């Protein structure tokens, strides 16, 4: 049984690598065909697909009466996206520009929605009313994003448009992305399931599994996509992907689960460390995006330190 899960883990990692590389080129061509910014295309493809596991994990945890797994998974995933995912992309790209007003404003919204579920659940319940608030926040951001044409459109020069040959190519690339997303989700599922098996063998708690293992596993697709985008110098896609993943998981993901069945957290002290580090991560991410309108390599190392302190605190304080 152990050998089986080791093989699943290795194959899933390989699948994650291959599908991530395959999708970047198709996303770039789709952005050029539509005349959209890469930020927006990444937001509505990779980020939306990355939210699907959050919703499925949430529904499954509600069915099995363990909502703390769903809540912990989103908290853990957001910490990963705000720290290690951003940091790795910055280090590979040797800096991450964030000059546009759209990115600057989106960073404010990202920080707010990352923390918002923590505020709504202070009474111990993330109820249906809270779910509606979270989903409305998502649609508010989308409306803001599309309210002005310059926020989501981009003019490409003739050299950039050479790769776009027509509607058939667009459909083909769209199919590649859908298939690639399915492979990413399959790879992430394989990594998560094998990780849970190893965690149970090591006798780790359910909350710790949600925060550190399921959260990290569900954040793998957007993390790896960010690194691949950095290698291909598609820096716009990195922030669109990561900000979108945080916004969708915190609003659309948790909101949908809360609407289906309120999330009740009886022992909220179990999330004390994660709450602290999520708030710290969100604030530092916001400050780094705003400082000099780019995230530097030094700031990336600071984000890595925050993540490793989070891991250390979760393990030592249990």
C-alpha atoms as a PDB file:
ATOM      1  CA  UNK A   1       0.000   0.000   0.000  1.00  0.00           C
ATOM      2  CA  UNK A   2       2.825   2.402   0.866  1.00  0.00           C
ATOM      3  CA  UNK A   3       4.569   1.655  -2.471  1.00  0.00           C
ATOM      4  CA  UNK A   4       1.282   2.354  -4.303  1.00  0.00           C
ATOM      5  CA  UNK A   5       0.962   5.829  -2.775  1.00  0.00           C
ATOM      6  CA  UNK A   6       4.637   6.595  -3.446  1.00  0.00           C
ATOM      7  CA  UNK A   7       4.071   5.784  -7.144  1.00  0.00           C
ATOM      8  CA  UNK A   8       0.879   7.913  -7.191  1.00  0.00           C
ATOM      9  CA  UNK A   9       2.777  10.828  -5.657  1.00  0.00           C
ATOM     10  CA  UNK A  10       5.647  10.636  -8.189  1.00  0.00           C
ATOM     11  CA  UNK A  11       3.297  10.276 -11.188  1.00  0.00           C
ATOM     12  CA  UNK A  12       1.153  13.187  -9.957  1.00  0.00           C
ATOM     13  CA  UNK A  13       4.210  15.444  -9.649  1.00  0.00           C
ATOM     14  CA  UNK A  14       5.225  14.543 -13.208  1.00  0.00           C
ATOM     15  CA  UNK A  15       1.713  15.225 -14.499  1.00  0.00           C
ATOM     16  CA  UNK A  16       1.663  18.577 -12.704  1.00  0.00           C
ATOM     17  CA  UNK A  17       4.927  19.581 -14.388  1.00  0.00           C
ATOM     18  CA  UNK A  18       3.867  18.543 -17.893  1.00  0.00           C
ATOM     19  CA  UNK A  19       0.351  20.030 -17.863  1.00  0.00           C
ATOM     20  CA  UNK A  20       1.561  23.348 -16.414  1.00  0.00           C
ATOM     21  CA  UNK A  21       4.139  23.850 -19.173  1.00  0.00           C
ATOM     22  CA  UNK A  22       1.588  22.905 -21.845  1.00  0.00           C
ATOM     23  CA  UNK A  23      -1.010  25.470 -20.802  1.00  0.00           C
ATOM     24  CA  UNK A  24       0.975  28.720 -20.706  1.00  0.00           C
ATOM     25  CA  UNK A  25       1.355  29.060 -24.478  1.00  0.00           C
ATOM     26  CA  UNK A  26      -2.348  28.420 -25.090  1.00  0.00           C
ATOM     27  CA  UNK A  27      -3.344  31.035 -22.507  1.00  0.00           C
ATOM     28  CA  UNK A  28      -1.089  33.640 -24.120  1.00  0.00           C
ATOM     29  CA  UNK A  29      -2.618  32.989 -27.562  1.00  0.00           C
ATOM     30  CA  UNK A  30      -6.162  33.179 -26.167  1.00  0.00           C
ATOM     31  CA  UNK A  31      -5.350  36.519 -24.493  1.00  0.00           C
ATOM     32  CA  UNK A  32      -4.126  37.894 -27.815  1.00  0.00           C
ATOM     33  CA  UNK A  33      -7.094  36.518 -29.755  1.00  0.00           C
ATOM     34  CA  UNK A  34      -9.590  38.124 -27.343  1.00  0.00           C
ATOM     35  CA  UNK A  35      -7.557  41.296 -26.933  1.00  0.00           C
ATOM     36  CA  UNK A  36      -7.617  40.738 -23.157  1.00  0.00           C
ATOM     37  CA  UNK A  37      -4.814  41.228 -20.682  1.00  0.00           C
ATOM     38  CA  UNK A  38      -3.042  38.047 -19.621  1.00  0.00           C
ATOM     39  CA  UNK A  39      -3.972  38.952 -16.023  1.00  0.00           C
ATOM     40  CA  UNK A  40      -7.698  38.618 -16.803  1.00  0.00           C
ATOM     41  CA  UNK A  41      -7.341  35.414 -18.833  1.00  0.00           C
ATOM     42  CA  UNK A  42      -5.319  33.732 -16.059  1.00  0.00           C
ATOM     43  CA  UNK A  43      -7.827  34.989 -13.478  1.00  0.00           C
ATOM     44  CA  UNK A  44     -10.791  33.362 -15.208  1.00  0.00           C
ATOM     45  CA  UNK A  45      -9.145  30.106 -16.280  1.00  0.00           C
ATOM     46  CA  UNK A  46      -6.455  28.854 -13.903  1.00  0.00           C
ATOM     47  CA  UNK A  47      -7.885  30.607 -10.848  1.00  0.00           C
ATOM     48  CA  UNK A  48     -11.449  29.473 -11.515  1.00  0.00           C
ATOM     49  CA  UNK A  49     -10.312  25.905 -12.106  1.00  0.00           C
ATOM     50  CA  UNK A  50      -8.151  25.994  -8.971  1.00  0.00           C
ATOM     51  CA  UNK A  51     -11.237  26.901  -6.925  1.00  0.00           C
ATOM     52  CA  UNK A  52     -13.057  23.711  -7.969  1.00  0.00           C
ATOM     53  CA  UNK A  53     -11.093  21.501  -5.522  1.00  0.00           C
ATOM     54  CA  UNK A  54     -11.863  23.963  -2.708  1.00  0.00           C
ATOM     55  CA  UNK A  55     -15.589  23.602  -3.391  1.00  0.00           C
ATOM     56  CA  UNK A  56     -15.435  19.798  -3.695  1.00  0.00           C
ATOM     57  CA  UNK A  57     -13.378  19.488  -0.504  1.00  0.00           C
ATOM     58  CA  UNK A  58     -15.847  21.818   1.215  1.00  0.00           C
ATOM     59  CA  UNK A  59     -18.912  19.843   0.136  1.00  0.00           C
ATOM     60  CA  UNK A  60     -17.262  16.570   1.114  1.00  0.00           C
ATOM     61  CA  UNK A  61     -16.257  17.926   4.533  1.00  0.00           C
ATOM     62  CA  UNK A  62     -19.830  19.140   5.160  1.00  0.00           C
ATOM     63  CA  UNK A  63     -21.247  15.727   4.204  1.00  0.00           C
ATOM     64  CA  UNK A  64     -18.833  14.043   6.615  1.00  0.00           C
ATOM     65  CA  UNK A  65     -19.550  16.638   9.350  1.00  0.00           C
ATOM     66  CA  UNK A  66     -15.965  17.908   9.464  1.00  0.00           C
ATOM     67  CA  UNK A  67     -16.269  21.549   8.253  1.00  0.00           C
ATOM     68  CA  UNK A  68     -13.013  22.461   9.986  1.00  0.00           C
ATOM     69  CA  UNK A  69     -11.199  20.550   7.196  1.00  0.00           C
ATOM     70  CA  UNK A  70     -12.723  22.829   4.522  1.00  0.00           C
ATOM     71  CA  UNK A  71     -12.073  26.022   6.460  1.00  0.00           C
ATOM     72  CA  UNK A  72      -8.530  24.935   7.303  1.00  0.00           C
ATOM     73  CA  UNK A  73      -7.861  23.955   3.706  1.00  0.00           C
ATOM     74  CA  UNK A  74      -8.802  27.433   2.412  1.00  0.00           C
ATOM     75  CA  UNK A  75      -6.767  29.160   5.136  1.00  0.00           C
ATOM     76  CA  UNK A  76      -3.750  26.977   4.428  1.00  0.00           C
ATOM     77  CA  UNK A  77      -4.095  27.371   0.657  1.00  0.00           C
ATOM     78  CA  UNK A  78      -4.291  31.168   0.919  1.00  0.00           C
ATOM     79  CA  UNK A  79      -1.142  31.271   3.063  1.00  0.00           C
ATOM     80  CA  UNK A  80       0.637  29.184   0.385  1.00  0.00           C
ATOM     81  CA  UNK A  81      -0.558  31.467  -2.449  1.00  0.00           C
ATOM     82  CA  UNK A  82       0.416  34.657  -0.593  1.00  0.00           C
ATOM     83  CA  UNK A  83       3.875  33.435   0.404  1.00  0.00           C
ATOM     84  CA  UNK A  84       5.619  30.489  -1.220  1.00  0.00           C
ATOM     85  CA  UNK A  85       3.759  30.659  -4.563  1.00  0.00           C
ATOM     86  CA  UNK A  86       4.482  34.384  -4.995  1.00  0.00           C
ATOM     87  CA  UNK A  87       8.057  33.986  -3.719  1.00  0.00           C
ATOM     88  CA  UNK A  88       8.981  31.128  -6.079  1.00  0.00           C
ATOM     89  CA  UNK A  89       7.562  33.005  -9.076  1.00  0.00           C
ATOM     90  CA  UNK A  90       9.463  36.171  -8.100  1.00  0.00           C
ATOM     91  CA  UNK A  91      12.749  34.293  -7.681  1.00  0.00           C
ATOM     92  CA  UNK A  92      12.373  32.549 -11.046  1.00  0.00           C
ATOM     93  CA  UNK A  93      11.350  35.796 -12.811  1.00  0.00           C
ATOM     94  CA  UNK A  94      14.002  37.799 -10.877  1.00  0.00           C
ATOM     95  CA  UNK A  95      11.407  40.293  -9.726  1.00  0.00           C
ATOM     96  CA  UNK A  96       7.698  40.714 -10.345  1.00  0.00           C
ATOM     97  CA  UNK A  97       6.402  44.044 -11.714  1.00  0.00           C
ATOM     98  CA  UNK A  98       3.068  45.347 -10.381  1.00  0.00           C
ATOM     99  CA  UNK A  99       2.880  48.805 -11.929  1.00  0.00           C
ATOM    100  CA  UNK A 100      -0.662  48.948 -13.300  1.00  0.00           C
ATOM    101  CA  UNK A 101      -3.506  50.518 -11.346  1.00  0.00           C
ATOM    102  CA  UNK A 102      -5.559  47.362 -11.897  1.00  0.00           C
ATOM    103  CA  UNK A 103      -2.953  45.226 -10.108  1.00  0.00           C
ATOM    104  CA  UNK A 104      -2.532  47.797  -7.350  1.00  0.00           C
ATOM    105  CA  UNK A 105      -6.284  47.943  -6.689  1.00  0.00           C
ATOM    106  CA  UNK A 106      -6.596  44.154  -6.985  1.00  0.00           C
ATOM    107  CA  UNK A 107      -3.929  43.787  -4.294  1.00  0.00           C
ATOM    108  CA  UNK A 108      -6.146  45.754  -1.882  1.00  0.00           C
ATOM    109  CA  UNK A 109      -9.130  43.551  -2.709  1.00  0.00           C
ATOM    110  CA  UNK A 110      -6.990  40.409  -2.372  1.00  0.00           C
ATOM    111  CA  UNK A 111      -5.842  41.403   1.116  1.00  0.00           C
ATOM    112  CA  UNK A 112      -9.393  42.249   2.229  1.00  0.00           C
ATOM    113  CA  UNK A 113     -11.081  39.058   0.963  1.00  0.00           C
ATOM    114  CA  UNK A 114      -8.287  36.853   2.341  1.00  0.00           C
ATOM    115  CA  UNK A 115      -9.045  38.194   5.825  1.00  0.00           C
ATOM    116  CA  UNK A 116     -12.842  38.614   5.438  1.00  0.00           C
ATOM    117  CA  UNK A 117     -13.813  34.947   6.180  1.00  0.00           C
ATOM    118  CA  UNK A 118     -11.854  35.179   9.440  1.00  0.00           C
ATOM    119  CA  UNK A 119     -13.981  38.151  10.473  1.00  0.00           C
ATOM    120  CA  UNK A 120     -17.287  36.594   9.408  1.00  0.00           C
ATOM    121  CA  UNK A 121     -16.625  33.388  11.366  1.00  0.00           C
ATOM    122  CA  UNK A 122     -15.675  35.103  14.635  1.00  0.00           C
ATOM    123  CA  UNK A 123     -19.094  34.085  16.013  1.00  0.00           C
ATOM    124  CA  UNK A 124     -18.172  30.442  15.360  1.00  0.00           C
ATOM    125  CA  UNK A 125     -20.384  30.028  12.286  1.00  0.00           C
ATOM    126  CA  UNK A 126     -19.939  30.896   8.622  1.00  0.00           C
ATOM    127  CA  UNK A 127     -23.656  30.908   7.853  1.00  0.00           C
ATOM    128  CA  UNK A 128     -25.721  31.321   4.711  1.00  0.00           C
ATOM    129  CA  UNK A 129     -25.855  35.093   5.183  1.00  0.00           C
ATOM    130  CA  UNK A 130     -22.062  35.148   5.348  1.00  0.00           C
ATOM    131  CA  UNK A 131     -21.960  32.958   2.239  1.00  0.00           C
ATOM    132  CA  UNK A 132     -24.088  35.481   0.349  1.00  0.00           C
ATOM    133  CA  UNK A 133     -21.762  38.310   1.459  1.00  0.00           C
ATOM    134  CA  UNK A 134     -18.716  36.397   0.205  1.00  0.00           C
ATOM    135  CA  UNK A 135     -20.290  35.567  -3.177  1.00  0.00           C
ATOM    136  CA  UNK A 136     -21.436  39.183  -3.610  1.00  0.00           C
ATOM    137  CA  UNK A 137     -17.845  40.301  -2.976  1.00  0.00           C
ATOM    138  CA  UNK A 138     -16.708  38.089  -5.851  1.00  0.00           C
ATOM    139  CA  UNK A 139     -19.261  39.527  -8.283  1.00  0.00           C
ATOM    140  CA  UNK A 140     -18.457  43.057  -7.094  1.00  0.00           C
ATOM    141  CA  UNK A 141     -14.815  42.534  -8.058  1.00  0.00           C
ATOM    142  CA  UNK A 142     -15.744  41.064 -11.450  1.00  0.00           C
ATOM    143  CA  UNK A 143     -18.071  44.018 -12.173  1.00  0.00           C
ATOM    144  CA  UNK A 144     -15.308  46.434 -11.178  1.00  0.00           C
ATOM    145  CA  UNK A 145     -12.812  44.596 -13.397  1.00  0.00           C
ATOM    146  CA  UNK A 146     -15.035  44.866 -16.488  1.00  0.00           C
ATOM    147  CA  UNK A 147     -16.487  48.325 -15.739  1.00  0.00           C
ATOM    148  CA  UNK A 148     -13.680  50.052 -17.646  1.00  0.00           C
ATOM    149  CA  UNK A 149     -12.372  48.683 -20.918  1.00  0.00           C
ATOM    150  CA  UNK A 150      -8.720  49.578 -20.238  1.00  0.00           C
ATOM    151  CA  UNK A 151      -8.690  47.308 -17.184  1.00  0.00           C
ATOM    152  CA  UNK A 152      -9.073  44.091 -19.169  1.00  0.00           C
ATOM    153  CA  UNK A 153      -8.167  44.940 -22.778  1.00  0.00           C
ATOM    154  CA  UNK A 154      -4.712  45.195 -24.277  1.00  0.00           C
ATOM    155  CA  UNK A 155      -3.449  46.220 -27.697  1.00  0.00           C
ATOM    156  CA  UNK A 156      -0.970  43.762 -29.176  1.00  0.00           C
ATOM    157  CA  UNK A 157       1.513  44.736 -31.881  1.00  0.00           C
ATOM    158  CA  UNK A 158       1.784  42.877 -35.189  1.00  0.00           C
ATOM    159  CA  UNK A 159       4.697  40.698 -34.055  1.00  0.00           C
ATOM    160  CA  UNK A 160       2.716  39.514 -31.042  1.00  0.00           C
ATOM    161  CA  UNK A 161      -0.338  38.770 -33.179  1.00  0.00           C
ATOM    162  CA  UNK A 162       1.513  36.486 -35.630  1.00  0.00           C
ATOM    163  CA  UNK A 163       0.817  33.411 -33.488  1.00  0.00           C
ATOM    164  CA  UNK A 164      -2.940  34.012 -33.587  1.00  0.00           C
ATOM    165  CA  UNK A 165      -4.364  32.676 -36.834  1.00  0.00           C
ATOM    166  CA  UNK A 166      -8.098  32.571 -36.265  1.00  0.00           C
ATOM    167  CA  UNK A 167     -11.078  31.135 -34.473  1.00  0.00           C
ATOM    168  CA  UNK A 168     -10.077  27.483 -35.059  1.00  0.00           C
ATOM    169  CA  UNK A 169      -6.786  28.067 -33.256  1.00  0.00           C
ATOM    170  CA  UNK A 170      -8.700  29.755 -30.439  1.00  0.00           C
ATOM    171  CA  UNK A 171     -11.011  26.733 -30.052  1.00  0.00           C
ATOM    172  CA  UNK A 172      -8.027  24.375 -30.169  1.00  0.00           C
ATOM    173  CA  UNK A 173      -6.211  26.350 -27.465  1.00  0.00           C
ATOM    174  CA  UNK A 174      -9.378  26.491 -25.369  1.00  0.00           C
ATOM    175  CA  UNK A 175      -9.634  22.712 -25.592  1.00  0.00           C
ATOM    176  CA  UNK A 176      -5.983  22.381 -24.561  1.00  0.00           C
ATOM    177  CA  UNK A 177      -6.607  24.567 -21.522  1.00  0.00           C
ATOM    178  CA  UNK A 178      -9.694  22.606 -20.452  1.00  0.00           C
ATOM    179  CA  UNK A 179      -7.773  19.343 -20.820  1.00  0.00           C
ATOM    180  CA  UNK A 180      -4.741  20.849 -19.092  1.00  0.00           C
ATOM    181  CA  UNK A 181      -6.853  22.071 -16.181  1.00  0.00           C
ATOM    182  CA  UNK A 182      -8.342  18.584 -15.812  1.00  0.00           C
ATOM    183  CA  UNK A 183      -4.816  17.134 -15.682  1.00  0.00           C
ATOM    184  CA  UNK A 184      -3.727  19.751 -13.126  1.00  0.00           C
ATOM    185  CA  UNK A 185      -6.686  18.905 -10.897  1.00  0.00           C
ATOM    186  CA  UNK A 186      -6.033  15.171 -11.314  1.00  0.00           C
ATOM    187  CA  UNK A 187      -2.373  15.660 -10.396  1.00  0.00           C
ATOM    188  CA  UNK A 188      -3.260  17.778  -7.364  1.00  0.00           C
ATOM    189  CA  UNK A 189      -5.806  15.165  -6.245  1.00  0.00           C
ATOM    190  CA  UNK A 190      -3.175  12.425  -6.478  1.00  0.00           C
ATOM    191  CA  UNK A 191      -0.718  14.476  -4.428  1.00  0.00           C
ATOM    192  CA  UNK A 192      -3.331  15.370  -1.806  1.00  0.00           C
ATOM    193  CA  UNK A 193      -4.602  11.787  -1.382  1.00  0.00           C
ATOM    194  CA  UNK A 194      -1.099  10.349  -1.103  1.00  0.00           C
ATOM    195  CA  UNK A 195      -0.118  13.118   1.326  1.00  0.00           C
ATOM    196  CA  UNK A 196      -3.168  12.430   3.511  1.00  0.00           C
ATOM    197  CA  UNK A 197      -2.241   8.729   3.552  1.00  0.00           C
ATOM    198  CA  UNK A 198       1.293   9.526   4.730  1.00  0.00           C
ATOM    199  CA  UNK A 199      -0.047  12.059   7.276  1.00  0.00           C
ATOM    200  CA  UNK A 200      -2.388   9.473   8.755  1.00  0.00           C
ATOM    201  CA  UNK A 201       0.497   7.022   8.989  1.00  0.00           C
ATOM    202  CA  UNK A 202       2.375   9.704  10.945  1.00  0.00           C
ATOM    203  CA  UNK A 203      -0.712  10.296  13.139  1.00  0.00           C
ATOM    204  CA  UNK A 204      -1.209  14.001  12.317  1.00  0.00           C
ATOM    205  CA  UNK A 205      -4.422  15.823  13.365  1.00  0.00           C
ATOM    206  CA  UNK A 206      -7.292  16.517  10.941  1.00  0.00           C
ATOM    207  CA  UNK A 207      -6.873  20.296  11.296  1.00  0.00           C
ATOM    208  CA  UNK A 208      -3.142  20.027  10.590  1.00  0.00           C
ATOM    209  CA  UNK A 209      -3.898  17.872   7.528  1.00  0.00           C
ATOM    210  CA  UNK A 210      -6.349  20.520   6.269  1.00  0.00           C
ATOM    211  CA  UNK A 211      -4.011  23.448   6.898  1.00  0.00           C
ATOM    212  CA  UNK A 212      -0.737  21.997   5.728  1.00  0.00           C
ATOM    213  CA  UNK A 213      -1.422  19.066   3.403  1.00  0.00           C
ATOM    214  CA  UNK A 214      -4.795  19.560   1.691  1.00  0.00           C
ATOM    215  CA  UNK A 215      -4.258  23.334   1.576  1.00  0.00           C
ATOM    216  CA  UNK A 216      -0.811  22.925   0.037  1.00  0.00           C
ATOM    217  CA  UNK A 217      -2.028  20.233  -2.368  1.00  0.00           C
ATOM    218  CA  UNK A 218      -4.928  22.328  -3.647  1.00  0.00           C
ATOM    219  CA  UNK A 219      -2.571  25.299  -4.075  1.00  0.00           C
ATOM    220  CA  UNK A 220      -0.110  23.281  -6.185  1.00  0.00           C
ATOM    221  CA  UNK A 221      -1.733  23.934  -9.610  1.00  0.00           C
ATOM    222  CA  UNK A 222      -1.648  27.742  -9.301  1.00  0.00           C
ATOM    223  CA  UNK A 223       1.785  27.618  -7.624  1.00  0.00           C
ATOM    224  CA  UNK A 224       3.346  25.569 -10.389  1.00  0.00           C
ATOM    225  CA  UNK A 225       1.551  27.575 -13.086  1.00  0.00           C
ATOM    226  CA  UNK A 226       3.017  30.757 -11.537  1.00  0.00           C
ATOM    227  CA  UNK A 227       6.536  29.305 -11.700  1.00  0.00           C
ATOM    228  CA  UNK A 228       6.101  28.167 -15.321  1.00  0.00           C
ATOM    229  CA  UNK A 229       4.694  31.607 -16.258  1.00  0.00           C
ATOM    230  CA  UNK A 230       7.731  33.220 -14.623  1.00  0.00           C
ATOM    231  CA  UNK A 231      10.093  31.018 -16.641  1.00  0.00           C
ATOM    232  CA  UNK A 232       8.305  32.067 -19.830  1.00  0.00           C
ATOM    233  CA  UNK A 233       8.359  35.765 -18.753  1.00  0.00           C
ATOM    234  CA  UNK A 234       4.545  35.964 -18.640  1.00  0.00           C
ATOM    235  CA  UNK A 235       4.561  38.014 -15.425  1.00  0.00           C
ATOM    236  CA  UNK A 236       1.028  39.374 -15.925  1.00  0.00           C
ATOM    237  CA  UNK A 237      -0.323  35.838 -15.678  1.00  0.00           C
ATOM    238  CA  UNK A 238       1.379  35.222 -12.339  1.00  0.00           C
ATOM    239  CA  UNK A 239      -0.544  37.864 -10.402  1.00  0.00           C
ATOM    240  CA  UNK A 240      -3.780  37.184 -12.276  1.00  0.00           C
ATOM    241  CA  UNK A 241      -3.520  33.505 -11.391  1.00  0.00           C
ATOM    242  CA  UNK A 242      -2.524  33.933  -7.719  1.00  0.00           C
ATOM    243  CA  UNK A 243      -4.775  36.880  -6.871  1.00  0.00           C
ATOM    244  CA  UNK A 244      -7.635  35.151  -8.655  1.00  0.00           C
ATOM    245  CA  UNK A 245      -7.073  31.922  -6.719  1.00  0.00           C
ATOM    246  CA  UNK A 246      -7.160  33.750  -3.381  1.00  0.00           C
ATOM    247  CA  UNK A 247     -10.200  35.853  -4.302  1.00  0.00           C
ATOM    248  CA  UNK A 248     -12.191  32.914  -5.674  1.00  0.00           C
ATOM    249  CA  UNK A 249     -11.320  30.471  -2.891  1.00  0.00           C
ATOM    250  CA  UNK A 250     -12.168  33.013  -0.163  1.00  0.00           C
ATOM    251  CA  UNK A 251     -15.397  34.253  -1.752  1.00  0.00           C
ATOM    252  CA  UNK A 252     -16.861  31.871  -4.345  1.00  0.00           C
ATOM    253  CA  UNK A 253     -15.428  28.713  -2.742  1.00  0.00           C
ATOM    254  CA  UNK A 254     -16.226  29.288   0.933  1.00  0.00           C
ATOM    255  CA  UNK A 255     -19.412  31.195   0.046  1.00  0.00           C
ATOM    256  CA  UNK A 256     -20.804  28.269  -1.964  1.00  0.00           C
ATOM    257  CA  UNK A 257     -20.070  25.788   0.831  1.00  0.00           C
ATOM    258  CA  UNK A 258     -21.603  28.098   3.452  1.00  0.00           C
ATOM    259  CA  UNK A 259     -24.756  28.417   1.337  1.00  0.00           C
ATOM    260  CA  UNK A 260     -25.100  24.644   1.069  1.00  0.00           C
ATOM    261  CA  UNK A 261     -24.481  24.085   4.771  1.00  0.00           C
ATOM    262  CA  UNK A 262     -23.188  26.567   7.390  1.00  0.00           C
ATOM    263  CA  UNK A 263     -19.604  25.929   8.472  1.00  0.00           C
ATOM    264  CA  UNK A 264     -19.454  25.624  12.260  1.00  0.00           C
ATOM    265  CA  UNK A 265     -16.093  25.686  13.963  1.00  0.00           C
ATOM    266  CA  UNK A 266     -16.449  24.561  17.576  1.00  0.00           C
ATOM    267  CA  UNK A 267     -12.771  24.698  18.555  1.00  0.00           C
ATOM    268  CA  UNK A 268     -11.591  27.904  16.897  1.00  0.00           C
ATOM    269  CA  UNK A 269      -8.334  27.928  18.879  1.00  0.00           C
ATOM    270  CA  UNK A 270      -7.071  25.225  16.493  1.00  0.00           C
ATOM    271  CA  UNK A 271      -6.879  27.928  13.806  1.00  0.00           C
ATOM    272  CA  UNK A 272      -5.113  30.550  15.948  1.00  0.00           C
ATOM    273  CA  UNK A 273      -1.715  30.078  14.257  1.00  0.00           C
ATOM    274  CA  UNK A 274      -3.204  29.955  10.754  1.00  0.00           C
ATOM    275  CA  UNK A 275      -5.293  33.081  11.402  1.00  0.00           C
ATOM    276  CA  UNK A 276      -2.239  35.004  12.562  1.00  0.00           C
ATOM    277  CA  UNK A 277      -0.063  33.951   9.627  1.00  0.00           C
ATOM    278  CA  UNK A 278      -2.804  34.512   7.044  1.00  0.00           C
ATOM    279  CA  UNK A 279      -3.257  38.099   8.267  1.00  0.00           C
ATOM    280  CA  UNK A 280       0.526  38.649   8.321  1.00  0.00           C
ATOM    281  CA  UNK A 281       0.901  37.113   4.825  1.00  0.00           C
ATOM    282  CA  UNK A 282      -1.929  39.236   3.380  1.00  0.00           C
ATOM    283  CA  UNK A 283      -0.519  42.463   4.834  1.00  0.00           C
ATOM    284  CA  UNK A 284       3.057  41.764   3.707  1.00  0.00           C
ATOM    285  CA  UNK A 285       1.894  40.754   0.206  1.00  0.00           C
ATOM    286  CA  UNK A 286      -0.070  44.004  -0.042  1.00  0.00           C
ATOM    287  CA  UNK A 287       2.880  46.105   1.177  1.00  0.00           C
ATOM    288  CA  UNK A 288       5.334  44.404  -1.178  1.00  0.00           C
ATOM    289  CA  UNK A 289       3.054  44.921  -4.216  1.00  0.00           C
ATOM    290  CA  UNK A 290       2.668  48.595  -3.296  1.00  0.00           C
ATOM    291  CA  UNK A 291       6.363  49.232  -2.522  1.00  0.00           C
ATOM    292  CA  UNK A 292       8.108  50.435  -5.674  1.00  0.00           C
ATOM    293  CA  UNK A 293       5.204  48.779  -7.566  1.00  0.00           C
ATOM    294  CA  UNK A 294       7.093  45.485  -7.818  1.00  0.00           C
ATOM    295  CA  UNK A 295       7.976  42.502  -5.654  1.00  0.00           C
ATOM    296  CA  UNK A 296      11.750  42.159  -5.326  1.00  0.00           C
ATOM    297  CA  UNK A 297      13.872  39.094  -4.611  1.00  0.00           C
ATOM    298  CA  UNK A 298      14.522  40.306  -1.053  1.00  0.00           C
ATOM    299  CA  UNK A 299      10.775  40.548  -0.471  1.00  0.00           C
ATOM    300  CA  UNK A 300      10.361  37.066  -1.952  1.00  0.00           C
ATOM    301  CA  UNK A 301      12.786  35.678   0.636  1.00  0.00           C
ATOM    302  CA  UNK A 302      10.787  37.459   3.358  1.00  0.00           C
ATOM    303  CA  UNK A 303       7.620  35.696   2.136  1.00  0.00           C
ATOM    304  CA  UNK A 304       9.427  32.344   2.194  1.00  0.00           C
ATOM    305  CA  UNK A 305      10.472  32.995   5.793  1.00  0.00           C
ATOM    306  CA  UNK A 306       6.845  33.738   6.735  1.00  0.00           C
ATOM    307  CA  UNK A 307       5.719  30.426   5.210  1.00  0.00           C
ATOM    308  CA  UNK A 308       8.390  28.350   6.951  1.00  0.00           C
ATOM    309  CA  UNK A 309       7.619  30.070  10.268  1.00  0.00           C
ATOM    310  CA  UNK A 310       3.977  29.146   9.676  1.00  0.00           C
ATOM    311  CA  UNK A 311       4.879  25.480   9.134  1.00  0.00           C
ATOM    312  CA  UNK A 312       7.171  25.476  12.164  1.00  0.00           C
ATOM    313  CA  UNK A 313       4.569  27.111  14.408  1.00  0.00           C
ATOM    314  CA  UNK A 314       1.814  24.724  13.305  1.00  0.00           C
ATOM    315  CA  UNK A 315       3.966  21.682  14.082  1.00  0.00           C
ATOM    316  CA  UNK A 316       5.538  22.872  17.337  1.00  0.00           C
ATOM    317  CA  UNK A 317       2.433  24.425  18.875  1.00  0.00           C
ATOM    318  CA  UNK A 318       0.198  21.336  18.428  1.00  0.00           C
END
